[in-house]
Amino acid sequence: MATIEDGGPMREVLSDIDRWLAAGKRVAVARVVEVEGSGPREPGATMAVSEDGEVAGSVSGGCVEGAVLTEALEVLGGDGTPRLVTYGISDDDAFAVGLTCGGTIHVLVEPLDW
């Protein structure tokens, strides 16, 4: 998986994360950890969400961002337990939010704890 140092997907959202943390906001990070079949983005694609619902980055190019935003806010509002969520064409919820590429993506959503 890409890291901040190698300029990977996490780097795309770093300035927003830094700004949110400097403002005292809690942050969750969602990352594509696996793609089965055709997927909109590769593993490592990253999206960050502030506790206020601000979003940086993308895990699907727009297909499931709304659903991932909801998961991230629930992680931040709950006990902070990471979640592995799956979106695919056979999943009624995923189809409803627009993942029609025919594949399945697995997204890990966790609170940022630096």
Protein backbone atom coordinates (compact mmCIF):
# COMPACT_ATOMS: atom_id res chain seq x y z
CA MET A 1 0.00 0.00 0.00
CA ALA A 2 1.21 3.48 -0.79
CA THR A 3 2.40 5.70 2.01
CA ILE A 4 2.75 9.42 2.48
CA GLU A 5 6.48 9.27 1.84
CA ASP A 6 6.22 7.63 -1.59
CA GLY A 7 3.71 10.15 -2.92
CA GLY A 8 0.86 7.63 -3.11
CA PRO A 9 -2.85 8.24 -2.69
CA MET A 10 -2.55 9.23 0.97
CA ARG A 11 -0.41 12.20 -0.08
CA GLU A 12 -3.34 13.55 -2.13
CA VAL A 13 -5.33 14.15 1.06
CA LEU A 14 -2.52 15.07 3.46
CA SER A 15 -2.93 18.85 3.32
CA ASP A 16 -6.64 18.56 4.12
CA ILE A 17 -5.92 16.14 6.97
CA ASP A 18 -3.28 18.49 8.38
CA ARG A 19 -5.71 21.42 8.22
CA TRP A 20 -8.49 19.47 9.93
CA LEU A 21 -6.21 18.18 12.66
CA ALA A 22 -4.80 21.68 13.25
CA ALA A 23 -8.39 22.84 13.76
CA GLY A 24 -8.88 20.11 16.37
CA LYS A 25 -11.17 17.98 14.22
CA ARG A 26 -11.27 14.20 14.26
CA VAL A 27 -10.60 12.46 10.96
CA ALA A 28 -11.41 9.08 9.43
CA VAL A 29 -9.55 7.57 6.50
CA ALA A 30 -11.07 5.15 3.97
CA ARG A 31 -8.84 3.09 1.68
CA VAL A 32 -9.57 0.64 -1.08
CA VAL A 33 -7.87 -2.55 0.13
CA GLU A 34 -9.05 -4.97 -2.56
CA VAL A 35 -10.76 -4.93 -5.94
CA GLU A 36 -12.45 -7.97 -7.47
CA GLY A 37 -13.14 -7.75 -11.18
CA SER A 38 -13.56 -4.29 -12.62
CA GLY A 39 -13.30 -1.43 -10.14
CA PRO A 40 -13.32 2.34 -10.45
CA ARG A 41 -10.03 2.81 -8.53
CA GLU A 42 -7.11 0.60 -7.57
CA PRO A 43 -6.19 -0.59 -4.07
CA GLY A 44 -4.62 2.25 -2.13
CA ALA A 45 -7.13 4.86 -3.33
CA THR A 46 -7.78 7.04 -0.28
CA MET A 47 -10.52 9.30 0.98
CA ALA A 48 -10.38 11.32 4.20
CA VAL A 49 -13.41 12.62 6.08
CA SER A 50 -13.49 15.20 8.87
CA GLU A 51 -15.98 14.93 11.70
CA ASP A 52 -17.81 17.86 10.04
CA GLY A 53 -18.35 15.82 6.88
CA GLU A 54 -15.67 17.50 4.78
CA VAL A 55 -14.21 15.12 2.19
CA ALA A 56 -10.84 14.91 0.47
CA GLY A 57 -9.78 12.28 -2.05
CA SER A 58 -11.78 9.47 -3.59
CA VAL A 59 -12.16 5.71 -3.29
CA SER A 60 -14.37 5.23 -6.33
CA GLY A 61 -14.32 8.29 -8.54
CA GLY A 62 -17.73 9.27 -7.18
CA CYS A 63 -19.65 5.99 -7.32
CA VAL A 64 -19.83 5.16 -3.61
CA GLU A 65 -18.38 8.23 -1.92
CA GLY A 66 -21.70 9.10 -0.24
CA ALA A 67 -21.96 5.65 1.32
CA VAL A 68 -18.31 5.75 2.42
CA LEU A 69 -18.86 9.21 3.93
CA THR A 70 -21.71 7.78 6.01
CA GLU A 71 -19.49 4.89 7.18
CA ALA A 72 -16.67 7.28 8.09
CA LEU A 73 -18.97 9.53 10.13
CA GLU A 74 -20.36 6.47 11.93
CA VAL A 75 -16.82 5.31 12.77
CA LEU A 76 -16.01 8.77 14.14
CA GLY A 77 -19.29 8.98 16.04
CA GLY A 78 -19.06 5.49 17.50
CA ASP A 79 -16.35 3.71 19.42
CA GLY A 80 -13.77 4.15 16.64
CA THR A 81 -13.76 0.52 15.58
CA PRO A 82 -12.49 0.19 11.99
CA ARG A 83 -14.90 -1.26 9.42
CA LEU A 84 -14.33 -3.23 6.27
CA VAL A 85 -17.18 -2.43 3.87
CA THR A 86 -17.86 -4.02 0.50
CA TYR A 87 -19.58 -2.54 -2.53
CA GLY A 88 -20.41 -4.54 -5.63
CA ILE A 89 -22.94 -4.84 -8.40
CA SER A 90 -24.72 -7.70 -6.61
CA ASP A 91 -25.07 -5.62 -3.44
CA ASP A 92 -28.39 -3.74 -3.56
CA ASP A 93 -26.94 -0.89 -1.51
CA ALA A 94 -23.92 -0.54 -3.78
CA PHE A 95 -26.09 -0.49 -6.89
CA ALA A 96 -28.27 2.15 -5.28
CA VAL A 97 -25.24 4.40 -4.75
CA GLY A 98 -23.97 3.85 -8.27
CA LEU A 99 -21.29 1.13 -8.37
CA THR A 100 -22.25 -0.27 -11.76
CA CYS A 101 -18.79 -1.17 -13.09
CA GLY A 102 -19.46 -4.87 -12.51
CA GLY A 103 -16.76 -5.42 -9.90
CA THR A 104 -16.52 -5.36 -6.14
CA ILE A 105 -14.43 -3.07 -3.97
CA HIS A 106 -13.48 -3.57 -0.33
CA VAL A 107 -12.89 -0.38 1.64
CA LEU A 108 -11.31 -0.15 5.09
CA VAL A 109 -12.68 2.79 7.08
CA GLU A 110 -10.83 3.73 10.27
CA PRO A 111 -10.25 6.71 12.50
CA LEU A 112 -6.96 8.49 11.96
CA ASP A 113 -4.85 8.19 15.08
CA TRP A 114 -1.46 9.82 14.55
